[in-house]
Amino acid sequence: MIQRRTLLQAGAAATLGAPALTGFAQSTVTLKFHTFMAPQSHVYLNMHKAWMDKVTKESGGRIQFQGYPAMQLGGTPVQLYDQARDGVVDIIWSLQGYTAGRFPRTEAFELPFMMNNAEATSRALWEYIQTHAADEYRDVHPLAFQVHGPGVFHTRDKQIKTAADLKGLKMRGPSRQVTKMLSYMEAIPVGMPLPQIPDALSKGVIDGCAIPWEVVPSVKVQELTKYHSQFEAAAGALYTATFMMVMNKAKYASLPPDLKAVIDKNSGIETSAWLGKIQQEGDIPGRESAVKRGNTIHTIPLADAQEFKRKSRLVEVEWMQDMDKRGFKGQQLLEAARSLIAKHGAKKA
């Protein structure tokens, strides 16, 4: 009788315990993270994977990730935002510049000679979007917005020392504003996603590209070009690109409150700043990869930078006019962007 009672108690305990176990299983979530970056790139390993690992740890393992770099789930980089919007994937990291004109107010940060420091400018970008362009991302749940370090020219056969040296060169630009800038400098701008650069350089489809140092090793630009031209710090950054890490709205809404809190803790202005900081730190080994190959690196001094700035001013004017036509106040948006970049840059200094 005692043995039978013990068995019945054990069975009841198992039955009572089952809902708790089921509830725990339901509260464990696996999120698909999709990006175009290569699996061994600085960005994927030190930013994306590091972020995913941090979220998993802080959730006590209840948020797990399936990371898919290099567009492993299919589609093209241009389609990443829509994949997150439509729930094909849960989270994406991509460039706004891949969908030209879709995020027009955000483009203020892609204008030439705007950014100062990637960490500070990423803080400014997050604040700017929240206050001036939040509706551009109304179809998704934003996690972070950031920029990379200063853009650099990389060329196969000709060193860029002055703005005139760009004349006639086929140069890849990462965004609509950068390709416009290249055209005003009399280069032949070519727009293409980052993964296409190696093939385009090797086949002579392009003569060079404008990318930050940190991206160079992931697309073997140090092997496919001989010359690199960066700007003296006092001259400012040639350009920067903006990036977004966004989540499917329904997926975020479906999370239990405690897991939403973990995502929230790893989103926003500080996460944006952290991503910008880590990305710019990759400029050091990226530049070193070119040095080790014996490539020629030229630093454009402040005096020579003035002509680049003069010609690129047309991009700024055209952007403001475009904003005005869209019903936004272009000059006010530009002043807001500059003010926020200066504010957060001063804090960083």
Protein backbone atom coordinates (compact mmCIF):
# COMPACT_ATOMS: atom_id res chain seq x y z
CA MET A 1 0.00 0.00 0.00
CA ILE A 2 2.83 2.40 0.93
CA GLN A 3 4.59 1.64 -2.35
CA ARG A 4 1.35 2.22 -4.33
CA ARG A 5 0.77 5.57 -2.57
CA THR A 6 4.34 6.64 -3.32
CA LEU A 7 3.88 5.83 -7.00
CA LEU A 8 0.60 7.77 -7.13
CA GLN A 9 2.26 10.78 -5.46
CA ALA A 10 5.12 10.62 -7.91
CA GLY A 11 2.69 10.48 -10.83
CA ALA A 12 0.74 13.45 -9.50
CA ALA A 13 3.96 15.40 -9.03
CA ALA A 14 5.00 14.66 -12.60
CA THR A 15 1.58 15.74 -13.88
CA LEU A 16 1.68 18.95 -11.87
CA GLY A 17 5.21 19.58 -12.98
CA ALA A 18 4.43 19.18 -16.67
CA PRO A 19 2.78 22.58 -17.18
CA ALA A 20 5.75 24.32 -15.57
CA LEU A 21 8.17 22.55 -17.89
CA THR A 22 5.97 23.31 -20.88
CA GLY A 23 5.75 26.96 -19.86
CA PHE A 24 9.52 27.15 -19.61
CA ALA A 25 9.94 25.57 -23.03
CA GLN A 26 7.53 28.07 -24.56
CA SER A 27 9.43 30.99 -23.05
CA THR A 28 12.67 29.95 -24.75
CA VAL A 29 12.91 31.80 -28.07
CA THR A 30 15.19 31.26 -31.06
CA LEU A 31 15.74 34.28 -33.28
CA LYS A 32 17.09 34.26 -36.84
CA PHE A 33 19.73 36.96 -37.45
CA HIS A 34 20.48 37.68 -41.12
CA THR A 35 23.16 39.90 -42.65
CA PHE A 36 25.33 40.25 -45.75
CA MET A 37 28.61 40.43 -43.80
CA ALA A 38 31.08 37.55 -44.20
CA PRO A 39 31.21 35.02 -41.35
CA GLN A 40 34.87 35.78 -40.59
CA SER A 41 34.54 39.56 -40.87
CA HIS A 42 35.33 41.90 -38.00
CA VAL A 43 31.74 43.16 -38.06
CA TYR A 44 30.13 39.73 -37.82
CA LEU A 45 32.48 38.28 -35.19
CA ASN A 46 33.04 41.29 -32.95
CA MET A 47 29.72 43.09 -33.34
CA HIS A 48 26.93 40.77 -34.45
CA LYS A 49 28.03 37.56 -32.74
CA ALA A 50 29.19 39.45 -29.65
CA TRP A 51 25.76 41.12 -29.41
CA MET A 52 23.94 37.81 -29.84
CA ASP A 53 26.13 36.14 -27.21
CA LYS A 54 25.49 38.99 -24.77
CA VAL A 55 21.71 38.77 -25.23
CA THR A 56 21.77 34.99 -24.79
CA LYS A 57 23.82 35.29 -21.59
CA GLU A 58 21.67 38.04 -20.09
CA SER A 59 18.50 36.10 -20.89
CA GLY A 60 19.82 33.08 -19.01
CA GLY A 61 19.90 31.17 -22.27
CA ARG A 62 16.21 31.75 -22.95
CA ILE A 63 16.96 33.80 -26.08
CA GLN A 64 18.95 31.78 -28.56
CA PHE A 65 20.12 32.86 -32.01
CA GLN A 66 20.65 31.27 -35.37
CA GLY A 67 23.15 33.54 -37.11
CA TYR A 68 23.15 33.63 -40.89
CA PRO A 69 25.98 35.77 -42.31
CA ALA A 70 26.74 36.18 -46.03
CA MET A 71 23.03 36.10 -46.97
CA GLN A 72 22.84 32.39 -46.13
CA LEU A 73 19.04 32.48 -45.93
CA GLY A 74 18.82 33.73 -49.50
CA GLY A 75 17.92 36.96 -51.19
CA THR A 76 20.16 39.96 -51.74
CA PRO A 77 21.42 42.62 -49.30
CA VAL A 78 18.87 45.03 -50.79
CA GLN A 79 16.08 42.77 -49.51
CA LEU A 80 17.22 42.51 -45.88
CA TYR A 81 14.99 45.27 -44.49
CA ASP A 82 11.91 43.75 -46.11
CA GLN A 83 12.87 40.31 -44.80
CA ALA A 84 12.70 41.69 -41.25
CA ARG A 85 9.53 43.65 -41.98
CA ASP A 86 7.79 40.61 -43.46
CA GLY A 87 8.96 38.12 -40.82
CA VAL A 88 11.09 36.06 -43.18
CA VAL A 89 13.78 36.57 -40.54
CA ASP A 90 13.64 38.06 -37.05
CA ILE A 91 16.58 40.50 -37.01
CA ILE A 92 18.72 42.03 -39.75
CA TRP A 93 21.77 44.28 -39.90
CA SER A 94 22.21 46.24 -43.12
CA LEU A 95 22.92 49.59 -44.76
CA GLN A 96 20.11 52.03 -45.39
CA GLY A 97 22.09 52.99 -48.49
CA TYR A 98 21.27 49.69 -50.16
CA THR A 99 17.73 50.95 -50.72
CA ALA A 100 18.39 54.35 -52.24
CA GLY A 101 15.86 57.01 -51.28
CA ARG A 102 13.91 54.80 -48.88
CA PHE A 103 15.25 56.50 -45.74
CA PRO A 104 15.73 60.05 -47.06
CA ARG A 105 15.98 61.95 -43.76
CA THR A 106 18.49 59.43 -42.40
CA GLU A 107 20.72 60.28 -45.37
CA ALA A 108 21.76 63.50 -43.61
CA PHE A 109 24.41 61.42 -41.84
CA GLU A 110 25.75 60.07 -45.14
CA LEU A 111 26.54 63.51 -46.51
CA PRO A 112 30.23 64.26 -47.08
CA PHE A 113 32.38 65.49 -44.20
CA MET A 114 29.67 65.15 -41.55
CA MET A 115 30.86 62.61 -38.98
CA ASN A 116 33.66 62.97 -36.44
CA ASN A 117 33.89 59.78 -34.40
CA ALA A 118 31.88 56.60 -35.05
CA GLU A 119 30.92 56.06 -31.40
CA ALA A 120 29.74 59.64 -30.90
CA THR A 121 28.15 59.97 -34.33
CA SER A 122 26.24 56.72 -33.75
CA ARG A 123 24.75 58.24 -30.59
CA ALA A 124 23.82 61.29 -32.62
CA LEU A 125 22.25 59.12 -35.34
CA TRP A 126 20.06 57.26 -32.84
CA GLU A 127 18.85 60.52 -31.29
CA TYR A 128 18.30 62.14 -34.69
CA ILE A 129 16.15 59.25 -35.94
CA GLN A 130 14.06 59.22 -32.75
CA THR A 131 13.39 62.95 -33.03
CA HIS A 132 13.32 63.56 -36.80
CA ALA A 133 12.88 60.32 -38.76
CA ALA A 134 11.23 57.67 -36.56
CA ASP A 135 8.44 57.08 -39.08
CA GLU A 136 10.97 55.92 -41.68
CA TYR A 137 11.23 52.73 -39.59
CA ARG A 138 7.59 52.35 -38.57
CA ASP A 139 7.33 48.89 -40.18
CA VAL A 140 9.97 47.34 -37.91
CA HIS A 141 11.18 47.47 -34.31
CA PRO A 142 14.49 49.41 -34.26
CA LEU A 143 17.32 47.98 -32.15
CA ALA A 144 20.26 50.19 -33.11
CA PHE A 145 21.45 52.73 -35.66
CA GLN A 146 25.16 53.35 -36.18
CA VAL A 147 27.91 54.56 -38.51
CA HIS A 148 31.39 53.29 -39.35
CA GLY A 149 34.76 55.04 -39.27
CA PRO A 150 35.95 57.52 -41.93
CA GLY A 151 35.59 56.46 -45.55
CA VAL A 152 38.81 55.85 -47.50
CA PHE A 153 39.63 55.63 -51.22
CA HIS A 154 41.18 52.35 -52.42
CA THR A 155 42.38 52.16 -56.04
CA ARG A 156 44.05 49.59 -58.28
CA ASP A 157 46.35 51.63 -60.52
CA LYS A 158 46.27 55.29 -59.52
CA GLN A 159 46.92 57.12 -56.27
CA ILE A 160 44.26 59.67 -55.25
CA LYS A 161 45.96 62.79 -53.91
CA THR A 162 43.65 65.54 -55.14
CA ALA A 163 40.01 65.73 -56.19
CA ALA A 164 41.17 65.98 -59.82
CA ASP A 165 42.73 62.52 -59.57
CA LEU A 166 39.27 60.96 -59.42
CA LYS A 167 38.35 62.17 -62.91
CA GLY A 168 37.29 59.26 -65.13
CA LEU A 169 37.84 56.55 -62.52
CA LYS A 170 35.10 53.95 -62.04
CA MET A 171 34.55 54.08 -58.30
CA ARG A 172 32.16 52.02 -56.20
CA GLY A 173 30.11 54.03 -53.74
CA PRO A 174 28.14 52.52 -50.81
CA SER A 175 25.18 54.88 -50.84
CA ARG A 176 23.22 57.33 -52.97
CA GLN A 177 24.91 60.35 -51.40
CA VAL A 178 28.43 58.96 -51.85
CA THR A 179 27.81 58.05 -55.49
CA LYS A 180 26.56 61.62 -56.04
CA MET A 181 29.69 62.96 -54.39
CA LEU A 182 31.86 60.83 -56.66
CA SER A 183 30.04 62.11 -59.73
CA TYR A 184 30.60 65.74 -58.68
CA MET A 185 34.30 64.90 -58.41
CA GLU A 186 34.09 63.67 -62.04
CA ALA A 187 34.53 60.01 -61.19
CA ILE A 188 32.21 57.44 -62.74
CA PRO A 189 30.16 56.21 -59.77
CA VAL A 190 29.15 52.57 -59.58
CA GLY A 191 26.67 51.41 -56.97
CA MET A 192 26.94 47.81 -55.75
CA PRO A 193 26.65 45.85 -52.50
CA LEU A 194 29.85 45.18 -50.59
CA PRO A 195 30.15 41.45 -51.45
CA GLN A 196 30.41 42.29 -55.18
CA ILE A 197 33.53 44.44 -54.76
CA PRO A 198 36.22 41.71 -55.08
CA ASP A 199 34.88 40.36 -58.36
CA ALA A 200 34.36 43.87 -59.75
CA LEU A 201 37.93 44.91 -58.87
CA SER A 202 39.51 41.74 -60.23
CA LYS A 203 37.64 42.04 -63.54
CA GLY A 204 38.22 45.77 -63.94
CA VAL A 205 34.54 46.62 -63.67
CA ILE A 206 35.65 49.25 -61.15
CA ASP A 207 38.99 51.01 -60.67
CA GLY A 208 38.51 51.44 -56.95
CA CYS A 209 36.08 51.78 -54.10
CA ALA A 210 35.26 53.97 -51.13
CA ILE A 211 35.03 51.93 -47.94
CA PRO A 212 36.37 52.26 -44.37
CA TRP A 213 39.59 50.48 -43.40
CA GLU A 214 37.85 47.86 -41.28
CA VAL A 215 36.01 46.36 -44.25
CA VAL A 216 39.17 45.96 -46.35
CA PRO A 217 40.25 42.44 -45.23
CA SER A 218 36.76 40.92 -45.49
CA VAL A 219 36.59 41.73 -49.22
CA LYS A 220 40.36 41.36 -49.88
CA VAL A 221 40.71 44.95 -51.06
CA GLN A 222 44.29 45.04 -49.74
CA GLU A 223 45.09 42.29 -52.27
CA LEU A 224 43.16 43.76 -55.18
CA THR A 225 44.34 47.39 -54.92
CA LYS A 226 47.74 49.02 -54.52
CA TYR A 227 46.83 52.53 -53.37
CA HIS A 228 44.88 53.93 -50.44
CA SER A 229 44.00 57.56 -49.68
CA GLN A 230 42.76 58.66 -46.28
CA PHE A 231 42.09 62.17 -44.98
CA GLU A 232 44.02 63.97 -42.29
CA ALA A 233 41.97 64.02 -39.07
CA ALA A 234 41.75 67.81 -39.12
CA ALA A 235 40.15 67.64 -42.59
CA GLY A 236 37.27 65.52 -41.32
CA ALA A 237 35.85 62.25 -42.60
CA LEU A 238 35.22 61.93 -46.34
CA TYR A 239 31.95 60.17 -45.53
CA THR A 240 30.37 57.55 -43.36
CA ALA A 241 27.56 55.11 -44.04
CA THR A 242 24.58 54.48 -41.79
CA PHE A 243 23.55 51.01 -40.62
CA MET A 244 20.43 49.62 -39.00
CA MET A 245 19.81 46.64 -36.79
CA VAL A 246 16.05 46.12 -36.75
CA MET A 247 13.65 43.42 -35.61
CA ASN A 248 10.34 42.12 -36.90
CA LYS A 249 7.60 43.97 -34.98
CA ALA A 250 5.36 40.95 -34.42
CA LYS A 251 8.27 38.85 -33.15
CA TYR A 252 9.26 41.52 -30.66
CA ALA A 253 5.63 41.92 -29.53
CA SER A 254 5.35 38.15 -28.99
CA LEU A 255 8.18 38.05 -26.45
CA PRO A 256 7.27 37.74 -22.75
CA PRO A 257 7.95 40.92 -20.73
CA ASP A 258 11.21 39.70 -19.18
CA LEU A 259 12.69 38.79 -22.57
CA LYS A 260 11.54 42.08 -24.06
CA ALA A 261 13.44 43.74 -21.22
CA VAL A 262 16.63 41.90 -22.23
CA ILE A 263 16.23 43.03 -25.85
CA ASP A 264 15.48 46.59 -24.69
CA LYS A 265 18.60 46.62 -22.51
CA ASN A 266 20.65 45.72 -25.57
CA SER A 267 19.03 48.28 -27.85
CA GLY A 268 19.01 52.05 -28.18
CA ILE A 269 21.56 54.81 -27.95
CA GLU A 270 24.23 52.98 -25.95
CA THR A 271 24.08 49.85 -28.10
CA SER A 272 24.30 52.08 -31.18
CA ALA A 273 27.38 53.78 -29.73
CA TRP A 274 28.96 50.42 -28.84
CA LEU A 275 28.45 49.10 -32.37
CA GLY A 276 29.98 52.26 -33.86
CA LYS A 277 32.95 52.08 -31.50
CA ILE A 278 33.67 48.41 -32.23
CA GLN A 279 33.35 48.94 -35.97
CA GLN A 280 35.80 51.86 -35.99
CA GLU A 281 38.27 49.88 -33.86
CA GLY A 282 38.48 47.51 -36.82
CA ASP A 283 40.09 50.30 -38.86
CA ILE A 284 43.44 49.59 -37.17
CA PRO A 285 43.91 45.97 -38.29
CA GLY A 286 42.25 46.82 -41.60
CA ARG A 287 44.88 49.46 -42.35
CA GLU A 288 47.62 47.15 -41.14
CA SER A 289 46.59 44.55 -43.72
CA ALA A 290 47.47 47.06 -46.48
CA VAL A 291 50.72 48.05 -44.78
CA LYS A 292 51.84 44.42 -44.57
CA ARG A 293 51.39 44.01 -48.31
CA GLY A 294 53.55 47.04 -48.98
CA ASN A 295 50.71 49.06 -50.49
CA THR A 296 51.02 52.84 -50.76
CA ILE A 297 48.99 54.87 -48.26
CA HIS A 298 48.60 58.60 -48.81
CA THR A 299 47.14 60.97 -46.22
CA ILE A 300 45.36 63.88 -47.87
CA PRO A 301 46.28 67.06 -45.94
CA LEU A 302 43.83 69.75 -44.89
CA ALA A 303 44.86 72.09 -47.73
CA ASP A 304 44.16 69.49 -50.44
CA ALA A 305 40.94 68.42 -48.72
CA GLN A 306 39.38 71.81 -49.39
CA GLU A 307 38.72 71.01 -53.05
CA PHE A 308 37.03 67.73 -52.09
CA LYS A 309 34.83 69.70 -49.68
CA ARG A 310 34.04 72.38 -52.24
CA LYS A 311 32.88 69.89 -54.84
CA SER A 312 30.95 67.76 -52.36
CA ARG A 313 29.03 70.80 -51.12
CA LEU A 314 26.74 70.29 -54.13
CA VAL A 315 25.59 66.98 -52.63
CA GLU A 316 24.52 68.77 -49.48
CA VAL A 317 22.60 71.46 -51.39
CA GLU A 318 20.86 68.88 -53.55
CA TRP A 319 19.87 66.81 -50.50
CA MET A 320 18.31 69.84 -48.80
CA GLN A 321 16.37 70.67 -51.96
CA ASP A 322 15.15 67.07 -52.16
CA MET A 323 13.97 67.22 -48.54
CA ASP A 324 12.11 70.46 -49.26
CA LYS A 325 10.33 68.84 -52.22
CA ARG A 326 9.29 65.94 -49.98
CA GLY A 327 7.70 68.33 -47.52
CA PHE A 328 10.52 68.34 -44.98
CA LYS A 329 12.68 71.31 -44.07
CA GLY A 330 16.06 70.33 -45.45
CA GLN A 331 18.16 73.01 -43.82
CA GLN A 332 16.60 72.39 -40.40
CA LEU A 333 17.26 68.66 -40.71
CA LEU A 334 20.87 69.25 -41.70
CA GLU A 335 21.38 71.69 -38.84
CA ALA A 336 19.82 69.19 -36.42
CA ALA A 337 22.16 66.43 -37.62
CA ARG A 338 25.23 68.66 -37.35
CA SER A 339 24.18 69.90 -33.91
CA LEU A 340 23.72 66.36 -32.57
CA ILE A 341 27.02 65.18 -34.05
CA ALA A 342 28.78 68.14 -32.43
CA LYS A 343 26.99 67.58 -29.09
CA HIS A 344 27.86 63.91 -28.80
CA GLY A 345 31.32 64.48 -30.29
CA ALA A 346 32.05 67.04 -27.58
CA LYS A 347 30.99 64.55 -24.90
CA LYS A 348 33.27 61.93 -26.43
CA ALA A 349 36.20 64.36 -26.45
